[in-house]
Amino acid sequence: MSYFDAEAGADLRETFDHVVAGWPDVSSKTMFGCPSYQAEGTLFAVLVTGGVALTRLPADERATVEREFETGPFQAGDRTVTKWVQVAVDDPETLDALVPYVRASYETALAEGSA
């Protein structure tokens, strides 16, 4: 089952790819039928239709994201991944406000990958 509609999410993916393209040690692959991003092999973000799931966001940053954005847990079929926060992104142009949190998830993934 796919949680990412490639046609509906094309602009979000293009914008997200542009944001992370220059970050060191970033790779991408498909997981859960979604574009997924890793830092040194550690997952830090998953694109879903209408949003981004951040997988390594520190607790203090997560609290801020949950106050400032429409959020929820990542759903993978019947399974709910509560450790990840999924942030609604209705318009790829609004991704700019989320970039510091994507970066925080990325930096945590880098630290975990090199630990």
PDB file of N, CA and C in Angstrom:
ATOM      1  N   MET A   1       0.845  -1.182   0.000  1.00  0.00           N
ATOM      2  CA  MET A   1       0.000   0.000   0.000  1.00  0.00           C
ATOM      3  C   MET A   1       0.886   1.240   0.000  1.00  0.00           C
ATOM      4  N   SER A   2       0.541   2.221  -0.822  1.00  0.00           N
ATOM      5  CA  SER A   2       1.318   3.448  -0.916  1.00  0.00           C
ATOM      6  C   SER A   2       0.638   4.571  -0.133  1.00  0.00           C
ATOM      7  N   TYR A   3       1.448   5.331   0.569  1.00  0.00           N
ATOM      8  CA  TYR A   3       0.944   6.477   1.336  1.00  0.00           C
ATOM      9  C   TYR A   3       1.339   7.775   0.661  1.00  0.00           C
ATOM     10  N   PHE A   4       1.895   7.644  -0.557  1.00  0.00           N
ATOM     11  CA  PHE A   4       2.321   8.801  -1.316  1.00  0.00           C
ATOM     12  C   PHE A   4       1.816   8.681  -2.730  1.00  0.00           C
ATOM     13  N   ASP A   5       1.031   9.653  -3.158  1.00  0.00           N
ATOM     14  CA  ASP A   5       0.536   9.718  -4.525  1.00  0.00           C
ATOM     15  C   ASP A   5       1.538  10.550  -5.321  1.00  0.00           C
ATOM     16  N   ALA A   6       2.266   9.891  -6.235  1.00  0.00           N
ATOM     17  CA  ALA A   6       3.345  10.551  -6.977  1.00  0.00           C
ATOM     18  C   ALA A   6       2.857  11.750  -7.776  1.00  0.00           C
ATOM     19  N   GLU A   7       1.668  11.659  -8.318  1.00  0.00           N
ATOM     20  CA  GLU A   7       1.138  12.781  -9.104  1.00  0.00           C
ATOM     21  C   GLU A   7       0.745  13.942  -8.196  1.00  0.00           C
ATOM     22  N   ALA A   8      -0.031  13.651  -7.164  1.00  0.00           N
ATOM     23  CA  ALA A   8      -0.481  14.712  -6.249  1.00  0.00           C
ATOM     24  C   ALA A   8       0.682  15.296  -5.445  1.00  0.00           C
ATOM     25  N   GLY A   9       1.705  14.486  -5.185  1.00  0.00           N
ATOM     26  CA  GLY A   9       2.821  14.940  -4.363  1.00  0.00           C
ATOM     27  C   GLY A   9       4.048  15.367  -5.136  1.00  0.00           C
ATOM     28  N   ALA A  10       3.933  15.492  -6.450  1.00  0.00           N
ATOM     29  CA  ALA A  10       5.096  15.823  -7.286  1.00  0.00           C
ATOM     30  C   ALA A  10       5.742  17.147  -6.886  1.00  0.00           C
ATOM     31  N   ASP A  11       4.955  18.180  -6.651  1.00  0.00           N
ATOM     32  CA  ASP A  11       5.515  19.484  -6.281  1.00  0.00           C
ATOM     33  C   ASP A  11       6.187  19.434  -4.911  1.00  0.00           C
ATOM     34  N   LEU A  12       5.564  18.738  -3.965  1.00  0.00           N
ATOM     35  CA  LEU A  12       6.155  18.602  -2.635  1.00  0.00           C
ATOM     36  C   LEU A  12       7.484  17.874  -2.740  1.00  0.00           C
ATOM     37  N   ARG A  13       7.517  16.790  -3.501  1.00  0.00           N
ATOM     38  CA  ARG A  13       8.765  16.025  -3.636  1.00  0.00           C
ATOM     39  C   ARG A  13       9.851  16.868  -4.288  1.00  0.00           C
ATOM     40  N   GLU A  14       9.506  17.583  -5.334  1.00  0.00           N
ATOM     41  CA  GLU A  14      10.495  18.420  -6.019  1.00  0.00           C
ATOM     42  C   GLU A  14      11.048  19.490  -5.074  1.00  0.00           C
ATOM     43  N   THR A  15      10.170  20.131  -4.327  1.00  0.00           N
ATOM     44  CA  THR A  15      10.594  21.162  -3.377  1.00  0.00           C
ATOM     45  C   THR A  15      11.452  20.557  -2.268  1.00  0.00           C
ATOM     46  N   PHE A  16      11.026  19.427  -1.719  1.00  0.00           N
ATOM     47  CA  PHE A  16      11.774  18.770  -0.647  1.00  0.00           C
ATOM     48  C   PHE A  16      13.147  18.333  -1.152  1.00  0.00           C
ATOM     49  N   ASP A  17      13.193  17.728  -2.330  1.00  0.00           N
ATOM     50  CA  ASP A  17      14.471  17.303  -2.906  1.00  0.00           C
ATOM     51  C   ASP A  17      15.418  18.486  -3.053  1.00  0.00           C
ATOM     52  N   HIS A  18      14.884  19.615  -3.474  1.00  0.00           N
ATOM     53  CA  HIS A  18      15.697  20.824  -3.632  1.00  0.00           C
ATOM     54  C   HIS A  18      16.266  21.277  -2.282  1.00  0.00           C
ATOM     55  N   VAL A  19      15.460  21.193  -1.230  1.00  0.00           N
ATOM     56  CA  VAL A  19      15.893  21.607   0.109  1.00  0.00           C
ATOM     57  C   VAL A  19      17.053  20.746   0.597  1.00  0.00           C
ATOM     58  N   VAL A  20      16.931  19.432   0.487  1.00  0.00           N
ATOM     59  CA  VAL A  20      17.930  18.534   1.084  1.00  0.00           C
ATOM     60  C   VAL A  20      19.073  18.170   0.138  1.00  0.00           C
ATOM     61  N   ALA A  21      19.003  18.595  -1.118  1.00  0.00           N
ATOM     62  CA  ALA A  21      19.992  18.190  -2.116  1.00  0.00           C
ATOM     63  C   ALA A  21      21.426  18.538  -1.725  1.00  0.00           C
ATOM     64  N   GLY A  22      21.629  19.665  -1.084  1.00  0.00           N
ATOM     65  CA  GLY A  22      22.982  20.092  -0.740  1.00  0.00           C
ATOM     66  C   GLY A  22      23.463  19.637   0.625  1.00  0.00           C
ATOM     67  N   TRP A  23      22.629  18.919   1.361  1.00  0.00           N
ATOM     68  CA  TRP A  23      23.032  18.468   2.687  1.00  0.00           C
ATOM     69  C   TRP A  23      23.927  17.243   2.553  1.00  0.00           C
ATOM     70  N   PRO A  24      25.036  17.214   3.292  1.00  0.00           N
ATOM     71  CA  PRO A  24      25.953  16.072   3.189  1.00  0.00           C
ATOM     72  C   PRO A  24      25.314  14.753   3.620  1.00  0.00           C
ATOM     73  N   ASP A  25      25.699  13.697   2.932  1.00  0.00           N
ATOM     74  CA  ASP A  25      25.347  12.321   3.295  1.00  0.00           C
ATOM     75  C   ASP A  25      23.859  12.010   3.231  1.00  0.00           C
ATOM     76  N   VAL A  26      23.109  12.743   2.412  1.00  0.00           N
ATOM     77  CA  VAL A  26      21.681  12.467   2.241  1.00  0.00           C
ATOM     78  C   VAL A  26      21.495  11.512   1.069  1.00  0.00           C
ATOM     79  N   SER A  27      20.690  10.509   1.290  1.00  0.00           N
ATOM     80  CA  SER A  27      20.290   9.599   0.218  1.00  0.00           C
ATOM     81  C   SER A  27      18.783   9.419   0.305  1.00  0.00           C
ATOM     82  N   SER A  28      18.199   8.934  -0.776  1.00  0.00           N
ATOM     83  CA  SER A  28      16.751   8.702  -0.753  1.00  0.00           C
ATOM     84  C   SER A  28      16.450   7.342  -1.373  1.00  0.00           C
ATOM     85  N   LYS A  29      15.349   6.785  -0.931  1.00  0.00           N
ATOM     86  CA  LYS A  29      14.840   5.539  -1.496  1.00  0.00           C
ATOM     87  C   LYS A  29      13.363   5.469  -1.168  1.00  0.00           C
ATOM     88  N   THR A  30      12.691   4.485  -1.707  1.00  0.00           N
ATOM     89  CA  THR A  30      11.269   4.318  -1.449  1.00  0.00           C
ATOM     90  C   THR A  30      11.073   3.339  -0.297  1.00  0.00           C
ATOM     91  N   MET A  31      10.329   3.788   0.703  1.00  0.00           N
ATOM     92  CA  MET A  31       9.939   2.943   1.840  1.00  0.00           C
ATOM     93  C   MET A  31       8.460   3.198   2.092  1.00  0.00           C
ATOM     94  N   PHE A  32       7.706   2.183   2.400  1.00  0.00           N
ATOM     95  CA  PHE A  32       6.261   2.312   2.615  1.00  0.00           C
ATOM     96  C   PHE A  32       5.580   2.886   1.374  1.00  0.00           C
ATOM     97  N   GLY A  33       6.202   2.766   0.208  1.00  0.00           N
ATOM     98  CA  GLY A  33       5.675   3.350  -1.014  1.00  0.00           C
ATOM     99  C   GLY A  33       5.864   4.850  -1.083  1.00  0.00           C
ATOM    100  N   CYS A  34       6.729   5.383  -0.214  1.00  0.00           N
ATOM    101  CA  CYS A  34       6.935   6.828  -0.105  1.00  0.00           C
ATOM    102  C   CYS A  34       8.401   7.197  -0.337  1.00  0.00           C
ATOM    103  N   PRO A  35       8.655   8.386  -0.882  1.00  0.00           N
ATOM    104  CA  PRO A  35      10.024   8.876  -0.925  1.00  0.00           C
ATOM    105  C   PRO A  35      10.515   9.047   0.512  1.00  0.00           C
ATOM    106  N   SER A  36      11.645   8.440   0.817  1.00  0.00           N
ATOM    107  CA  SER A  36      12.176   8.448   2.175  1.00  0.00           C
ATOM    108  C   SER A  36      13.625   8.909   2.123  1.00  0.00           C
ATOM    109  N   TYR A  37      14.034   9.647   3.139  1.00  0.00           N
ATOM    110  CA  TYR A  37      15.341  10.297   3.133  1.00  0.00           C
ATOM    111  C   TYR A  37      16.159   9.853   4.335  1.00  0.00           C
ATOM    112  N   GLN A  38      17.424   9.562   4.058  1.00  0.00           N
ATOM    113  CA  GLN A  38      18.329   9.078   5.091  1.00  0.00           C
ATOM    114  C   GLN A  38      19.560   9.968   5.152  1.00  0.00           C
ATOM    115  N   ALA A  39      20.146  10.042   6.343  1.00  0.00           N
ATOM    116  CA  ALA A  39      21.426  10.700   6.562  1.00  0.00           C
ATOM    117  C   ALA A  39      22.375   9.618   7.046  1.00  0.00           C
ATOM    118  N   GLU A  40      23.382   9.324   6.258  1.00  0.00           N
ATOM    119  CA  GLU A  40      24.312   8.228   6.561  1.00  0.00           C
ATOM    120  C   GLU A  40      23.569   6.928   6.880  1.00  0.00           C
ATOM    121  N   GLY A  41      22.493   6.673   6.142  1.00  0.00           N
ATOM    122  CA  GLY A  41      21.747   5.437   6.300  1.00  0.00           C
ATOM    123  C   GLY A  41      20.672   5.441   7.371  1.00  0.00           C
ATOM    124  N   THR A  42      20.532   6.548   8.115  1.00  0.00           N
ATOM    125  CA  THR A  42      19.512   6.642   9.160  1.00  0.00           C
ATOM    126  C   THR A  42      18.360   7.511   8.667  1.00  0.00           C
ATOM    127  N   LEU A  43      17.171   6.957   8.695  1.00  0.00           N
ATOM    128  CA  LEU A  43      15.975   7.634   8.201  1.00  0.00           C
ATOM    129  C   LEU A  43      15.684   8.909   8.997  1.00  0.00           C
ATOM    130  N   PHE A  44      15.437  10.027   8.273  1.00  0.00           N
ATOM    131  CA  PHE A  44      15.066  11.266   8.966  1.00  0.00           C
ATOM    132  C   PHE A  44      13.769  11.881   8.468  1.00  0.00           C
ATOM    133  N   ALA A  45      13.294  11.493   7.280  1.00  0.00           N
ATOM    134  CA  ALA A  45      12.043  12.055   6.766  1.00  0.00           C
ATOM    135  C   ALA A  45      11.411  11.109   5.752  1.00  0.00           C
ATOM    136  N   VAL A  46      10.083  11.125   5.731  1.00  0.00           N
ATOM    137  CA  VAL A  46       9.299  10.351   4.780  1.00  0.00           C
ATOM    138  C   VAL A  46       8.225  11.278   4.231  1.00  0.00           C
ATOM    139  N   LEU A  47       8.133  11.377   2.914  1.00  0.00           N
ATOM    140  CA  LEU A  47       7.072  12.184   2.316  1.00  0.00           C
ATOM    141  C   LEU A  47       5.818  11.333   2.187  1.00  0.00           C
ATOM    142  N   VAL A  48       4.697  11.921   2.526  1.00  0.00           N
ATOM    143  CA  VAL A  48       3.395  11.290   2.355  1.00  0.00           C
ATOM    144  C   VAL A  48       2.534  12.254   1.561  1.00  0.00           C
ATOM    145  N   THR A  49       1.444  11.775   1.025  1.00  0.00           N
ATOM    146  CA  THR A  49       0.552  12.677   0.310  1.00  0.00           C
ATOM    147  C   THR A  49       0.081  13.749   1.285  1.00  0.00           C
ATOM    148  N   GLY A  50       0.402  14.998   0.977  1.00  0.00           N
ATOM    149  CA  GLY A  50      -0.029  16.113   1.812  1.00  0.00           C
ATOM    150  C   GLY A  50       0.804  16.362   3.052  1.00  0.00           C
ATOM    151  N   GLY A  51       2.023  15.800   3.113  1.00  0.00           N
ATOM    152  CA  GLY A  51       2.809  16.067   4.300  1.00  0.00           C
ATOM    153  C   GLY A  51       4.170  15.410   4.325  1.00  0.00           C
ATOM    154  N   VAL A  52       4.826  15.624   5.471  1.00  0.00           N
ATOM    155  CA  VAL A  52       6.163  15.086   5.726  1.00  0.00           C
ATOM    156  C   VAL A  52       6.158  14.464   7.116  1.00  0.00           C
ATOM    157  N   ALA A  53       6.647  13.237   7.216  1.00  0.00           N
ATOM    158  CA  ALA A  53       6.836  12.595   8.518  1.00  0.00           C
ATOM    159  C   ALA A  53       8.302  12.765   8.906  1.00  0.00           C
ATOM    160  N   LEU A  54       8.532  13.316  10.084  1.00  0.00           N
ATOM    161  CA  LEU A  54       9.884  13.499  10.603  1.00  0.00           C
ATOM    162  C   LEU A  54      10.142  12.395  11.613  1.00  0.00           C
ATOM    163  N   THR A  55      11.192  11.626  11.381  1.00  0.00           N
ATOM    164  CA  THR A  55      11.414  10.405  12.143  1.00  0.00           C
ATOM    165  C   THR A  55      12.381  10.549  13.305  1.00  0.00           C
ATOM    166  N   ARG A  56      13.173  11.606  13.325  1.00  0.00           N
ATOM    167  CA  ARG A  56      14.211  11.743  14.357  1.00  0.00           C
ATOM    168  C   ARG A  56      14.174  13.117  15.019  1.00  0.00           C
ATOM    169  N   LEU A  57      13.006  13.686  15.130  1.00  0.00           N
ATOM    170  CA  LEU A  57      12.883  15.030  15.695  1.00  0.00           C
ATOM    171  C   LEU A  57      13.037  14.980  17.214  1.00  0.00           C
ATOM    172  N   PRO A  58      13.979  15.750  17.787  1.00  0.00           N
ATOM    173  CA  PRO A  58      14.131  15.786  19.244  1.00  0.00           C
ATOM    174  C   PRO A  58      12.845  16.254  19.926  1.00  0.00           C
ATOM    175  N   ALA A  59      12.636  15.827  21.162  1.00  0.00           N
ATOM    176  CA  ALA A  59      11.384  16.074  21.888  1.00  0.00           C
ATOM    177  C   ALA A  59      11.030  17.553  21.970  1.00  0.00           C
ATOM    178  N   ASP A  60      12.004  18.429  22.254  1.00  0.00           N
ATOM    179  CA  ASP A  60      11.693  19.856  22.377  1.00  0.00           C
ATOM    180  C   ASP A  60      11.258  20.444  21.039  1.00  0.00           C
ATOM    181  N   GLU A  61      11.916  20.022  19.972  1.00  0.00           N
ATOM    182  CA  GLU A  61      11.547  20.488  18.629  1.00  0.00           C
ATOM    183  C   GLU A  61      10.171  19.933  18.227  1.00  0.00           C
ATOM    184  N   ARG A  62       9.907  18.699  18.608  1.00  0.00           N
ATOM    185  CA  ARG A  62       8.614  18.087  18.294  1.00  0.00           C
ATOM    186  C   ARG A  62       7.481  18.850  18.966  1.00  0.00           C
ATOM    187  N   ALA A  63       7.675  19.242  20.218  1.00  0.00           N
ATOM    188  CA  ALA A  63       6.652  20.008  20.935  1.00  0.00           C
ATOM    189  C   ALA A  63       6.351  21.313  20.203  1.00  0.00           C
ATOM    190  N   THR A  64       7.392  21.963  19.701  1.00  0.00           N
ATOM    191  CA  THR A  64       7.200  23.207  18.957  1.00  0.00           C
ATOM    192  C   THR A  64       6.440  22.946  17.666  1.00  0.00           C
ATOM    193  N   VAL A  65       6.830  21.908  16.944  1.00  0.00           N
ATOM    194  CA  VAL A  65       6.148  21.557  15.690  1.00  0.00           C
ATOM    195  C   VAL A  65       4.672  21.275  15.951  1.00  0.00           C
ATOM    196  N   GLU A  66       4.387  20.545  17.015  1.00  0.00           N
ATOM    197  CA  GLU A  66       3.001  20.210  17.316  1.00  0.00           C
ATOM    198  C   GLU A  66       2.169  21.430  17.688  1.00  0.00           C
ATOM    199  N   ARG A  67       2.810  22.473  18.200  1.00  0.00           N
ATOM    200  CA  ARG A  67       2.102  23.728  18.503  1.00  0.00           C
ATOM    201  C   ARG A  67       1.889  24.574  17.253  1.00  0.00           C
ATOM    202  N   GLU A  68       2.863  24.555  16.349  1.00  0.00           N
ATOM    203  CA  GLU A  68       2.853  25.482  15.217  1.00  0.00           C
ATOM    204  C   GLU A  68       2.240  24.936  13.924  1.00  0.00           C
ATOM    205  N   PHE A  69       2.107  23.615  13.822  1.00  0.00           N
ATOM    206  CA  PHE A  69       1.644  22.993  12.587  1.00  0.00           C
ATOM    207  C   PHE A  69       0.537  21.987  12.882  1.00  0.00           C
ATOM    208  N   GLU A  70      -0.187  21.635  11.841  1.00  0.00           N
ATOM    209  CA  GLU A  70      -1.158  20.537  11.943  1.00  0.00           C
ATOM    210  C   GLU A  70      -0.357  19.235  11.875  1.00  0.00           C
ATOM    211  N   THR A  71      -0.463  18.416  12.915  1.00  0.00           N
ATOM    212  CA  THR A  71       0.356  17.208  12.993  1.00  0.00           C
ATOM    213  C   THR A  71      -0.466  15.987  13.381  1.00  0.00           C
ATOM    214  N   GLY A  72       0.178  14.853  13.282  1.00  0.00           N
ATOM    215  CA  GLY A  72      -0.399  13.586  13.711  1.00  0.00           C
ATOM    216  C   GLY A  72       0.677  12.532  13.602  1.00  0.00           C
ATOM    217  N   PRO A  73       0.386  11.315  14.028  1.00  0.00           N
ATOM    218  CA  PRO A  73       1.368  10.236  13.903  1.00  0.00           C
ATOM    219  C   PRO A  73       1.388   9.691  12.474  1.00  0.00           C
ATOM    220  N   PHE A  74       2.454   9.023  12.120  1.00  0.00           N
ATOM    221  CA  PHE A  74       2.561   8.359  10.826  1.00  0.00           C
ATOM    222  C   PHE A  74       1.760   7.069  10.881  1.00  0.00           C
ATOM    223  N   GLN A  75       0.914   6.860   9.885  1.00  0.00           N
ATOM    224  CA  GLN A  75       0.106   5.643   9.794  1.00  0.00           C
ATOM    225  C   GLN A  75       0.687   4.744   8.713  1.00  0.00           C
ATOM    226  N   ALA A  76       1.015   3.518   9.060  1.00  0.00           N
ATOM    227  CA  ALA A  76       1.478   2.519   8.101  1.00  0.00           C
ATOM    228  C   ALA A  76       0.498   1.350   8.171  1.00  0.00           C
ATOM    229  N   GLY A  77      -0.551   1.433   7.380  1.00  0.00           N
ATOM    230  CA  GLY A  77      -1.611   0.426   7.437  1.00  0.00           C
ATOM    231  C   GLY A  77      -2.310   0.495   8.782  1.00  0.00           C
ATOM    232  N   ASP A  78      -2.366  -0.625   9.479  1.00  0.00           N
ATOM    233  CA  ASP A  78      -3.000  -0.674  10.793  1.00  0.00           C
ATOM    234  C   ASP A  78      -2.062  -0.196  11.897  1.00  0.00           C
ATOM    235  N   ARG A  79      -0.815  -0.008  11.547  1.00  0.00           N
ATOM    236  CA  ARG A  79       0.195   0.367  12.533  1.00  0.00           C
ATOM    237  C   ARG A  79       0.345   1.888  12.619  1.00  0.00           C
ATOM    238  N   THR A  80       0.384   2.403  13.837  1.00  0.00           N
ATOM    239  CA  THR A  80       0.608   3.822  14.069  1.00  0.00           C
ATOM    240  C   THR A  80       2.002   3.988  14.652  1.00  0.00           C
ATOM    241  N   VAL A  81       2.815   4.811  14.003  1.00  0.00           N
ATOM    242  CA  VAL A  81       4.180   5.060  14.470  1.00  0.00           C
ATOM    243  C   VAL A  81       4.166   6.368  15.257  1.00  0.00           C
ATOM    244  N   THR A  82       4.004   6.266  16.558  1.00  0.00           N
ATOM    245  CA  THR A  82       3.858   7.461  17.398  1.00  0.00           C
ATOM    246  C   THR A  82       5.173   8.197  17.637  1.00  0.00           C
ATOM    247  N   LYS A  83       6.303   7.528  17.401  1.00  0.00           N
ATOM    248  CA  LYS A  83       7.597   8.194  17.585  1.00  0.00           C
ATOM    249  C   LYS A  83       7.875   9.194  16.472  1.00  0.00           C
ATOM    250  N   TRP A  84       7.184   9.054  15.361  1.00  0.00           N
ATOM    251  CA  TRP A  84       7.342   9.973  14.239  1.00  0.00           C
ATOM    252  C   TRP A  84       6.224  11.000  14.294  1.00  0.00           C
ATOM    253  N   VAL A  85       6.516  12.207  13.856  1.00  0.00           N
ATOM    254  CA  VAL A  85       5.468  13.218  13.762  1.00  0.00           C
ATOM    255  C   VAL A  85       5.249  13.534  12.285  1.00  0.00           C
ATOM    256  N   GLN A  86       4.004  13.440  11.869  1.00  0.00           N
ATOM    257  CA  GLN A  86       3.639  13.747  10.490  1.00  0.00           C
ATOM    258  C   GLN A  86       3.058  15.151  10.454  1.00  0.00           C
ATOM    259  N   VAL A  87       3.629  15.983   9.606  1.00  0.00           N
ATOM    260  CA  VAL A  87       3.232  17.386   9.514  1.00  0.00           C
ATOM    261  C   VAL A  87       2.523  17.615   8.190  1.00  0.00           C
ATOM    262  N   ALA A  88       1.339  18.192   8.258  1.00  0.00           N
ATOM    263  CA  ALA A  88       0.579  18.485   7.042  1.00  0.00           C
ATOM    264  C   ALA A  88       1.262  19.609   6.263  1.00  0.00           C
ATOM    265  N   VAL A  89       1.406  19.408   4.958  1.00  0.00           N
ATOM    266  CA  VAL A  89       1.952  20.429   4.063  1.00  0.00           C
ATOM    267  C   VAL A  89       0.980  20.523   2.898  1.00  0.00           C
ATOM    268  N   ASP A  90       0.093  21.512   2.965  1.00  0.00           N
ATOM    269  CA  ASP A  90      -0.923  21.668   1.930  1.00  0.00           C
ATOM    270  C   ASP A  90      -0.362  22.282   0.654  1.00  0.00           C
ATOM    271  N   ASP A  91       0.656  23.131   0.804  1.00  0.00           N
ATOM    272  CA  ASP A  91       1.258  23.825  -0.317  1.00  0.00           C
ATOM    273  C   ASP A  91       2.768  23.734  -0.170  1.00  0.00           C
ATOM    274  N   PRO A  92       3.475  23.196  -1.167  1.00  0.00           N
ATOM    275  CA  PRO A  92       4.924  23.056  -1.058  1.00  0.00           C
ATOM    276  C   PRO A  92       5.650  24.360  -0.722  1.00  0.00           C
ATOM    277  N   GLU A  93       5.052  25.494  -1.072  1.00  0.00           N
ATOM    278  CA  GLU A  93       5.676  26.781  -0.755  1.00  0.00           C
ATOM    279  C   GLU A  93       5.744  27.017   0.748  1.00  0.00           C
ATOM    280  N   THR A  94       4.891  26.355   1.516  1.00  0.00           N
ATOM    281  CA  THR A  94       4.909  26.517   2.972  1.00  0.00           C
ATOM    282  C   THR A  94       5.953  25.620   3.635  1.00  0.00           C
ATOM    283  N   LEU A  95       6.635  24.811   2.838  1.00  0.00           N
ATOM    284  CA  LEU A  95       7.667  23.927   3.373  1.00  0.00           C
ATOM    285  C   LEU A  95       8.797  24.722   4.032  1.00  0.00           C
ATOM    286  N   ASP A  96       9.030  25.945   3.585  1.00  0.00           N
ATOM    287  CA  ASP A  96      10.094  26.776   4.160  1.00  0.00           C
ATOM    288  C   ASP A  96      10.005  26.868   5.677  1.00  0.00           C
ATOM    289  N   ALA A  97       8.808  27.013   6.209  1.00  0.00           N
ATOM    290  CA  ALA A  97       8.633  27.144   7.657  1.00  0.00           C
ATOM    291  C   ALA A  97       9.000  25.853   8.382  1.00  0.00           C
ATOM    292  N   LEU A  98       8.957  24.744   7.692  1.00  0.00           N
ATOM    293  CA  LEU A  98       9.244  23.437   8.293  1.00  0.00           C
ATOM    294  C   LEU A  98      10.722  23.042   8.182  1.00  0.00           C
ATOM    295  N   VAL A  99      11.467  23.710   7.309  1.00  0.00           N
ATOM    296  CA  VAL A  99      12.862  23.338   7.045  1.00  0.00           C
ATOM    297  C   VAL A  99      13.720  23.249   8.308  1.00  0.00           C
ATOM    298  N   PRO A 100      13.626  24.182   9.271  1.00  0.00           N
ATOM    299  CA  PRO A 100      14.464  24.034  10.471  1.00  0.00           C
ATOM    300  C   PRO A 100      14.208  22.722  11.220  1.00  0.00           C
ATOM    301  N   TYR A 101      12.992  22.224  11.168  1.00  0.00           N
ATOM    302  CA  TYR A 101      12.651  20.984  11.857  1.00  0.00           C
ATOM    303  C   TYR A 101      13.097  19.769  11.043  1.00  0.00           C
ATOM    304  N   VAL A 102      13.016  19.873   9.724  1.00  0.00           N
ATOM    305  CA  VAL A 102      13.562  18.822   8.861  1.00  0.00           C
ATOM    306  C   VAL A 102      15.061  18.727   9.123  1.00  0.00           C
ATOM    307  N   ARG A 103      15.701  19.890   9.233  1.00  0.00           N
ATOM    308  CA  ARG A 103      17.152  19.927   9.495  1.00  0.00           C
ATOM    309  C   ARG A 103      17.473  19.296  10.855  1.00  0.00           C
ATOM    310  N   ALA A 104      16.647  19.572  11.854  1.00  0.00           N
ATOM    311  CA  ALA A 104      16.868  18.991  13.185  1.00  0.00           C
ATOM    312  C   ALA A 104      16.741  17.472  13.139  1.00  0.00           C
ATOM    313  N   SER A 105      15.769  16.951  12.395  1.00  0.00           N
ATOM    314  CA  SER A 105      15.606  15.516  12.255  1.00  0.00           C
ATOM    315  C   SER A 105      16.810  14.928  11.519  1.00  0.00           C
ATOM    316  N   TYR A 106      17.270  15.614  10.492  1.00  0.00           N
ATOM    317  CA  TYR A 106      18.455  15.216   9.732  1.00  0.00           C
ATOM    318  C   TYR A 106      19.692  15.171  10.631  1.00  0.00           C
ATOM    319  N   GLU A 107      19.904  16.215  11.406  1.00  0.00           N
ATOM    320  CA  GLU A 107      21.095  16.287  12.269  1.00  0.00           C
ATOM    321  C   GLU A 107      21.065  15.196  13.347  1.00  0.00           C
ATOM    322  N   THR A 108      19.892  14.891  13.863  1.00  0.00           N
ATOM    323  CA  THR A 108      19.769  13.805  14.837  1.00  0.00           C
ATOM    324  C   THR A 108      20.093  12.469  14.179  1.00  0.00           C
ATOM    325  N   ALA A 109      19.595  12.280  12.966  1.00  0.00           N
ATOM    326  CA  ALA A 109      19.890  11.052  12.227  1.00  0.00           C
ATOM    327  C   ALA A 109      21.389  10.920  11.951  1.00  0.00           C
ATOM    328  N   LEU A 110      22.038  12.024  11.601  1.00  0.00           N
ATOM    329  CA  LEU A 110      23.485  11.983  11.391  1.00  0.00           C
ATOM    330  C   LEU A 110      24.213  11.568  12.659  1.00  0.00           C
ATOM    331  N   ALA A 111      23.815  12.160  13.776  1.00  0.00           N
ATOM    332  CA  ALA A 111      24.452  11.839  15.052  1.00  0.00           C
ATOM    333  C   ALA A 111      24.225  10.379  15.425  1.00  0.00           C
ATOM    334  N   GLU A 112      23.020   9.883  15.188  1.00  0.00           N
ATOM    335  CA  GLU A 112      22.712   8.478  15.516  1.00  0.00           C
ATOM    336  C   GLU A 112      23.456   7.529  14.583  1.00  0.00           C
ATOM    337  N   GLY A 113      23.594   7.939  13.323  1.00  0.00           N
ATOM    338  CA  GLY A 113      24.280   7.091  12.348  1.00  0.00           C
ATOM    339  C   GLY A 113      25.764   6.968  12.606  1.00  0.00           C
ATOM    340  N   SER A 114      26.341   8.011  13.185  1.00  0.00           N
ATOM    341  CA  SER A 114      27.789   7.975  13.444  1.00  0.00           C
ATOM    342  C   SER A 114      28.115   7.519  14.862  1.00  0.00           C
ATOM    343  N   ALA A 115      27.081   7.253  15.652  1.00  0.00           N
ATOM    344  CA  ALA A 115      27.312   6.822  17.048  1.00  0.00           C
ATOM    345  C   ALA A 115      27.716   5.362  17.127  1.00  0.00           C
TER     346      ALA A 115
END
